[in-house]
PDB file of N, CA and C in Angstrom:
ATOM      1  N   MET A   1     -10.790  -6.011  -7.618  1.00  0.00           N
ATOM      2  CA  MET A   1     -10.374  -5.417  -8.861  1.00  0.00           C
ATOM      3  C   MET A   1      -9.449  -6.403  -9.579  1.00  0.00           C
ATOM      4  N   LYS A   2      -9.685  -6.575 -10.842  1.00  0.00           N
ATOM      5  CA  LYS A   2      -8.911  -7.538 -11.619  1.00  0.00           C
ATOM      6  C   LYS A   2      -7.609  -6.920 -12.118  1.00  0.00           C
ATOM      7  N   ALA A   3      -6.658  -7.784 -12.426  1.00  0.00           N
ATOM      8  CA  ALA A   3      -5.351  -7.321 -12.888  1.00  0.00           C
ATOM      9  C   ALA A   3      -5.464  -6.549 -14.198  1.00  0.00           C
ATOM     10  N   ALA A   4      -6.377  -6.950 -15.060  1.00  0.00           N
ATOM     11  CA  ALA A   4      -6.548  -6.242 -16.336  1.00  0.00           C
ATOM     12  C   ALA A   4      -7.001  -4.804 -16.100  1.00  0.00           C
ATOM     13  N   GLU A   5      -7.873  -4.611 -15.129  1.00  0.00           N
ATOM     14  CA  GLU A   5      -8.325  -3.257 -14.793  1.00  0.00           C
ATOM     15  C   GLU A   5      -7.172  -2.431 -14.243  1.00  0.00           C
ATOM     16  N   LEU A   6      -6.329  -3.061 -13.442  1.00  0.00           N
ATOM     17  CA  LEU A   6      -5.187  -2.358 -12.865  1.00  0.00           C
ATOM     18  C   LEU A   6      -4.171  -1.983 -13.939  1.00  0.00           C
ATOM     19  N   ARG A   7      -3.979  -2.858 -14.912  1.00  0.00           N
ATOM     20  CA  ARG A   7      -3.016  -2.571 -15.981  1.00  0.00           C
ATOM     21  C   ARG A   7      -3.458  -1.400 -16.848  1.00  0.00           C
ATOM     22  N   ASP A   8      -4.765  -1.169 -16.919  1.00  0.00           N
ATOM     23  CA  ASP A   8      -5.288  -0.052 -17.707  1.00  0.00           C
ATOM     24  C   ASP A   8      -5.109   1.287 -17.005  1.00  0.00           C
ATOM     25  N   MET A   9      -4.797   1.265 -15.714  1.00  0.00           N
ATOM     26  CA  MET A   9      -4.639   2.505 -14.947  1.00  0.00           C
ATOM     27  C   MET A   9      -3.277   3.140 -15.217  1.00  0.00           C
ATOM     28  N   SER A  10      -3.216   4.448 -15.004  1.00  0.00           N
ATOM     29  CA  SER A  10      -1.936   5.149 -15.110  1.00  0.00           C
ATOM     30  C   SER A  10      -1.118   4.885 -13.843  1.00  0.00           C
ATOM     31  N   ASP A  11       0.147   5.278 -13.880  1.00  0.00           N
ATOM     32  CA  ASP A  11       1.013   5.089 -12.713  1.00  0.00           C
ATOM     33  C   ASP A  11       0.479   5.845 -11.499  1.00  0.00           C
ATOM     34  N   GLU A  12      -0.027   7.052 -11.725  1.00  0.00           N
ATOM     35  CA  GLU A  12      -0.550   7.863 -10.622  1.00  0.00           C
ATOM     36  C   GLU A  12      -1.800   7.224 -10.021  1.00  0.00           C
ATOM     37  N   GLN A  13      -2.670   6.704 -10.882  1.00  0.00           N
ATOM     38  CA  GLN A  13      -3.879   6.051 -10.393  1.00  0.00           C
ATOM     39  C   GLN A  13      -3.528   4.795  -9.601  1.00  0.00           C
ATOM     40  N   LEU A  14      -2.534   4.055 -10.082  1.00  0.00           N
ATOM     41  CA  LEU A  14      -2.100   2.853  -9.364  1.00  0.00           C
ATOM     42  C   LEU A  14      -1.571   3.213  -7.981  1.00  0.00           C
ATOM     43  N   GLU A  15      -0.765   4.257  -7.914  1.00  0.00           N
ATOM     44  CA  GLU A  15      -0.190   4.677  -6.632  1.00  0.00           C
ATOM     45  C   GLU A  15      -1.295   5.097  -5.668  1.00  0.00           C
ATOM     46  N   LEU A  16      -2.280   5.827  -6.164  1.00  0.00           N
ATOM     47  CA  LEU A  16      -3.396   6.260  -5.327  1.00  0.00           C
ATOM     48  C   LEU A  16      -4.210   5.061  -4.841  1.00  0.00           C
ATOM     49  N   THR A  17      -4.470   4.117  -5.726  1.00  0.00           N
ATOM     50  CA  THR A  17      -5.207   2.911  -5.354  1.00  0.00           C
ATOM     51  C   THR A  17      -4.425   2.108  -4.323  1.00  0.00           C
ATOM     52  N   LEU A  18      -3.110   2.041  -4.495  1.00  0.00           N
ATOM     53  CA  LEU A  18      -2.266   1.327  -3.538  1.00  0.00           C
ATOM     54  C   LEU A  18      -2.350   1.975  -2.161  1.00  0.00           C
ATOM     55  N   GLN A  19      -2.267   3.290  -2.104  1.00  0.00           N
ATOM     56  CA  GLN A  19      -2.345   3.991  -0.820  1.00  0.00           C
ATOM     57  C   GLN A  19      -3.698   3.772  -0.146  1.00  0.00           C
ATOM     58  N   GLU A  20      -4.771   3.861  -0.919  1.00  0.00           N
ATOM     59  CA  GLU A  20      -6.109   3.661  -0.359  1.00  0.00           C
ATOM     60  C   GLU A  20      -6.283   2.235   0.151  1.00  0.00           C
ATOM     61  N   THR A  21      -5.803   1.269  -0.616  1.00  0.00           N
ATOM     62  CA  THR A  21      -5.936  -0.133  -0.231  1.00  0.00           C
ATOM     63  C   THR A  21      -5.092  -0.440   0.999  1.00  0.00           C
ATOM     64  N   ALA A  22      -3.886   0.101   1.051  1.00  0.00           N
ATOM     65  CA  ALA A  22      -3.013  -0.129   2.206  1.00  0.00           C
ATOM     66  C   ALA A  22      -3.615   0.482   3.464  1.00  0.00           C
ATOM     67  N   THR A  23      -4.219   1.657   3.338  1.00  0.00           N
ATOM     68  CA  THR A  23      -4.874   2.287   4.483  1.00  0.00           C
ATOM     69  C   THR A  23      -6.051   1.441   4.949  1.00  0.00           C
ATOM     70  N   GLY A  24      -6.842   0.963   4.011  1.00  0.00           N
ATOM     71  CA  GLY A  24      -7.974   0.104   4.357  1.00  0.00           C
ATOM     72  C   GLY A  24      -7.520  -1.185   5.016  1.00  0.00           C
ATOM     73  N   TYR A  25      -6.438  -1.766   4.519  1.00  0.00           N
ATOM     74  CA  TYR A  25      -5.901  -2.993   5.094  1.00  0.00           C
ATOM     75  C   TYR A  25      -5.419  -2.753   6.519  1.00  0.00           C
ATOM     76  N   PHE A  26      -4.757  -1.622   6.745  1.00  0.00           N
ATOM     77  CA  PHE A  26      -4.281  -1.281   8.084  1.00  0.00           C
ATOM     78  C   PHE A  26      -5.458  -1.166   9.052  1.00  0.00           C
ATOM     79  N   ARG A  27      -6.515  -0.480   8.627  1.00  0.00           N
ATOM     80  CA  ARG A  27      -7.698  -0.332   9.483  1.00  0.00           C
ATOM     81  C   ARG A  27      -8.341  -1.680   9.792  1.00  0.00           C
ATOM     82  N   LEU A  28      -8.413  -2.540   8.785  1.00  0.00           N
ATOM     83  CA  LEU A  28      -8.990  -3.863   9.002  1.00  0.00           C
ATOM     84  C   LEU A  28      -8.154  -4.682   9.981  1.00  0.00           C
ATOM     85  N   ARG A  29      -6.822  -4.577   9.869  1.00  0.00           N
ATOM     86  CA  ARG A  29      -5.961  -5.306  10.806  1.00  0.00           C
ATOM     87  C   ARG A  29      -6.164  -4.813  12.228  1.00  0.00           C
ATOM     88  N   LEU A  30      -6.268  -3.488  12.389  1.00  0.00           N
ATOM     89  CA  LEU A  30      -6.522  -2.948  13.725  1.00  0.00           C
ATOM     90  C   LEU A  30      -7.859  -3.441  14.258  1.00  0.00           C
ATOM     91  N   GLN A  31      -8.862  -3.414  13.405  1.00  0.00           N
ATOM     92  CA  GLN A  31     -10.189  -3.853  13.812  1.00  0.00           C
ATOM     93  C   GLN A  31     -10.176  -5.344  14.165  1.00  0.00           C
ATOM     94  N   ALA A  32      -9.417  -6.139  13.420  1.00  0.00           N
ATOM     95  CA  ALA A  32      -9.340  -7.572  13.682  1.00  0.00           C
ATOM     96  C   ALA A  32      -8.678  -7.845  15.024  1.00  0.00           C
ATOM     97  N   ASN A  33      -7.740  -6.988  15.415  1.00  0.00           N
ATOM     98  CA  ASN A  33      -7.047  -7.181  16.687  1.00  0.00           C
ATOM     99  C   ASN A  33      -7.866  -6.710  17.874  1.00  0.00           C
ATOM    100  N   THR A  34      -8.782  -5.794  17.654  1.00  0.00           N
ATOM    101  CA  THR A  34      -9.541  -5.240  18.772  1.00  0.00           C
ATOM    102  C   THR A  34     -10.952  -5.792  18.881  1.00  0.00           C
ATOM    103  N   GLU A  35     -11.510  -6.241  17.776  1.00  0.00           N
ATOM    104  CA  GLU A  35     -12.873  -6.769  17.804  1.00  0.00           C
ATOM    105  C   GLU A  35     -13.045  -7.779  16.683  1.00  0.00           C
ATOM    106  N   ARG A  36     -14.229  -8.319  16.612  1.00  0.00           N
ATOM    107  CA  ARG A  36     -14.520  -9.327  15.596  1.00  0.00           C
ATOM    108  C   ARG A  36     -14.884  -8.655  14.270  1.00  0.00           C
ATOM    109  N   LEU A  37     -14.314  -9.172  13.186  1.00  0.00           N
ATOM    110  CA  LEU A  37     -14.601  -8.629  11.859  1.00  0.00           C
ATOM    111  C   LEU A  37     -15.894  -9.226  11.310  1.00  0.00           C
ATOM    112  N   ASP A  38     -16.643  -8.402  10.588  1.00  0.00           N
ATOM    113  CA  ASP A  38     -17.851  -8.897   9.937  1.00  0.00           C
ATOM    114  C   ASP A  38     -17.494  -9.799   8.761  1.00  0.00           C
ATOM    115  N   ALA A  39     -16.456  -9.425   8.031  1.00  0.00           N
ATOM    116  CA  ALA A  39     -16.034 -10.198   6.856  1.00  0.00           C
ATOM    117  C   ALA A  39     -14.516 -10.375   6.886  1.00  0.00           C
ATOM    118  N   PRO A  40     -14.034 -11.428   7.536  1.00  0.00           N
ATOM    119  CA  PRO A  40     -12.592 -11.642   7.615  1.00  0.00           C
ATOM    120  C   PRO A  40     -11.935 -11.844   6.249  1.00  0.00           C
ATOM    121  N   SER A  41     -12.713 -12.215   5.254  1.00  0.00           N
ATOM    122  CA  SER A  41     -12.144 -12.414   3.917  1.00  0.00           C
ATOM    123  C   SER A  41     -11.670 -11.097   3.303  1.00  0.00           C
ATOM    124  N   GLU A  42     -12.127  -9.972   3.842  1.00  0.00           N
ATOM    125  CA  GLU A  42     -11.686  -8.663   3.352  1.00  0.00           C
ATOM    126  C   GLU A  42     -10.185  -8.477   3.571  1.00  0.00           C
ATOM    127  N   LEU A  43      -9.646  -9.046   4.642  1.00  0.00           N
ATOM    128  CA  LEU A  43      -8.202  -8.960   4.888  1.00  0.00           C
ATOM    129  C   LEU A  43      -7.438  -9.587   3.724  1.00  0.00           C
ATOM    130  N   ARG A  44      -7.847 -10.773   3.337  1.00  0.00           N
ATOM    131  CA  ARG A  44      -7.184 -11.465   2.237  1.00  0.00           C
ATOM    132  C   ARG A  44      -7.352 -10.694   0.932  1.00  0.00           C
ATOM    133  N   ARG A  45      -8.542 -10.160   0.686  1.00  0.00           N
ATOM    134  CA  ARG A  45      -8.803  -9.419  -0.544  1.00  0.00           C
ATOM    135  C   ARG A  45      -7.902  -8.193  -0.644  1.00  0.00           C
ATOM    136  N   HIS A  46      -7.766  -7.455   0.463  1.00  0.00           N
ATOM    137  CA  HIS A  46      -6.903  -6.268   0.471  1.00  0.00           C
ATOM    138  C   HIS A  46      -5.436  -6.651   0.264  1.00  0.00           C
ATOM    139  N   ARG A  47      -5.005  -7.696   0.964  1.00  0.00           N
ATOM    140  CA  ARG A  47      -3.609  -8.123   0.866  1.00  0.00           C
ATOM    141  C   ARG A  47      -3.269  -8.543  -0.568  1.00  0.00           C
ATOM    142  N   ARG A  48      -4.162  -9.261  -1.205  1.00  0.00           N
ATOM    143  CA  ARG A  48      -3.913  -9.713  -2.578  1.00  0.00           C
ATOM    144  C   ARG A  48      -3.963  -8.561  -3.573  1.00  0.00           C
ATOM    145  N   LEU A  49      -4.845  -7.599  -3.341  1.00  0.00           N
ATOM    146  CA  LEU A  49      -4.912  -6.435  -4.222  1.00  0.00           C
ATOM    147  C   LEU A  49      -3.625  -5.619  -4.127  1.00  0.00           C
ATOM    148  N   ILE A  50      -3.106  -5.465  -2.913  1.00  0.00           N
ATOM    149  CA  ILE A  50      -1.833  -4.760  -2.726  1.00  0.00           C
ATOM    150  C   ILE A  50      -0.724  -5.486  -3.492  1.00  0.00           C
ATOM    151  N   ALA A  51      -0.700  -6.809  -3.407  1.00  0.00           N
ATOM    152  CA  ALA A  51       0.321  -7.588  -4.117  1.00  0.00           C
ATOM    153  C   ALA A  51       0.182  -7.429  -5.625  1.00  0.00           C
ATOM    154  N   ARG A  52      -1.052  -7.439  -6.131  1.00  0.00           N
ATOM    155  CA  ARG A  52      -1.270  -7.253  -7.574  1.00  0.00           C
ATOM    156  C   ARG A  52      -0.752  -5.898  -8.039  1.00  0.00           C
ATOM    157  N   ILE A  53      -1.074  -4.859  -7.282  1.00  0.00           N
ATOM    158  CA  ILE A  53      -0.656  -3.507  -7.663  1.00  0.00           C
ATOM    159  C   ILE A  53       0.864  -3.403  -7.670  1.00  0.00           C
ATOM    160  N   LYS A  54       1.502  -3.923  -6.626  1.00  0.00           N
ATOM    161  CA  LYS A  54       2.964  -3.856  -6.552  1.00  0.00           C
ATOM    162  C   LYS A  54       3.618  -4.656  -7.674  1.00  0.00           C
ATOM    163  N   THR A  55       3.025  -5.782  -8.035  1.00  0.00           N
ATOM    164  CA  THR A  55       3.553  -6.587  -9.133  1.00  0.00           C
ATOM    165  C   THR A  55       3.493  -5.819 -10.443  1.00  0.00           C
ATOM    166  N   ILE A  56       2.375  -5.174 -10.706  1.00  0.00           N
ATOM    167  CA  ILE A  56       2.226  -4.400 -11.942  1.00  0.00           C
ATOM    168  C   ILE A  56       3.206  -3.235 -11.961  1.00  0.00           C
ATOM    169  N   GLN A  57       3.394  -2.580 -10.815  1.00  0.00           N
ATOM    170  CA  GLN A  57       4.354  -1.479 -10.753  1.00  0.00           C
ATOM    171  C   GLN A  57       5.768  -1.977 -11.057  1.00  0.00           C
ATOM    172  N   ARG A  58       6.143  -3.127 -10.523  1.00  0.00           N
ATOM    173  CA  ARG A  58       7.480  -3.678 -10.774  1.00  0.00           C
ATOM    174  C   ARG A  58       7.646  -4.078 -12.234  1.00  0.00           C
ATOM    175  N   GLN A  59       6.591  -4.626 -12.831  1.00  0.00           N
ATOM    176  CA  GLN A  59       6.654  -4.990 -14.243  1.00  0.00           C
ATOM    177  C   GLN A  59       6.859  -3.754 -15.107  1.00  0.00           C
ATOM    178  N   ARG A  60       6.186  -2.677 -14.760  1.00  0.00           N
ATOM    179  CA  ARG A  60       6.337  -1.440 -15.525  1.00  0.00           C
ATOM    180  C   ARG A  60       7.744  -0.877 -15.381  1.00  0.00           C
ATOM    181  N   LEU A  61       8.312  -0.969 -14.188  1.00  0.00           N
ATOM    182  CA  LEU A  61       9.684  -0.496 -13.988  1.00  0.00           C
ATOM    183  C   LEU A  61      10.676  -1.330 -14.798  1.00  0.00           C
ATOM    184  N   ALA A  62      10.424  -2.623 -14.872  1.00  0.00           N
ATOM    185  CA  ALA A  62      11.333  -3.513 -15.588  1.00  0.00           C
ATOM    186  C   ALA A  62      11.308  -3.266 -17.092  1.00  0.00           C
ATOM    187  N   THR A  63      10.174  -2.818 -17.614  1.00  0.00           N
ATOM    188  CA  THR A  63      10.072  -2.607 -19.057  1.00  0.00           C
ATOM    189  C   THR A  63      10.546  -1.228 -19.483  1.00  0.00           C
ATOM    190  N   LYS A  64      10.749  -0.329 -18.538  1.00  0.00           N
ATOM    191  CA  LYS A  64      11.195   1.031 -18.884  1.00  0.00           C
ATOM    192  C   LYS A  64      12.682   1.101 -19.086  1.00  0.00           C
TER     193      LYS A  64
END
């Protein structure tokens, strides 16, 4: 998901997306520790998406 798409979301949608992404990232980390991942790049994708969402949330807080 691109940053522009995230900026168009409401605060509630961002929070929900963050929770879903963090849960998915947690599951992937567990899977990576117990077995081989089919797509290890998914870990990086989830981690970066979480960072993007948190950055946008902080920017919104700073402008309020």
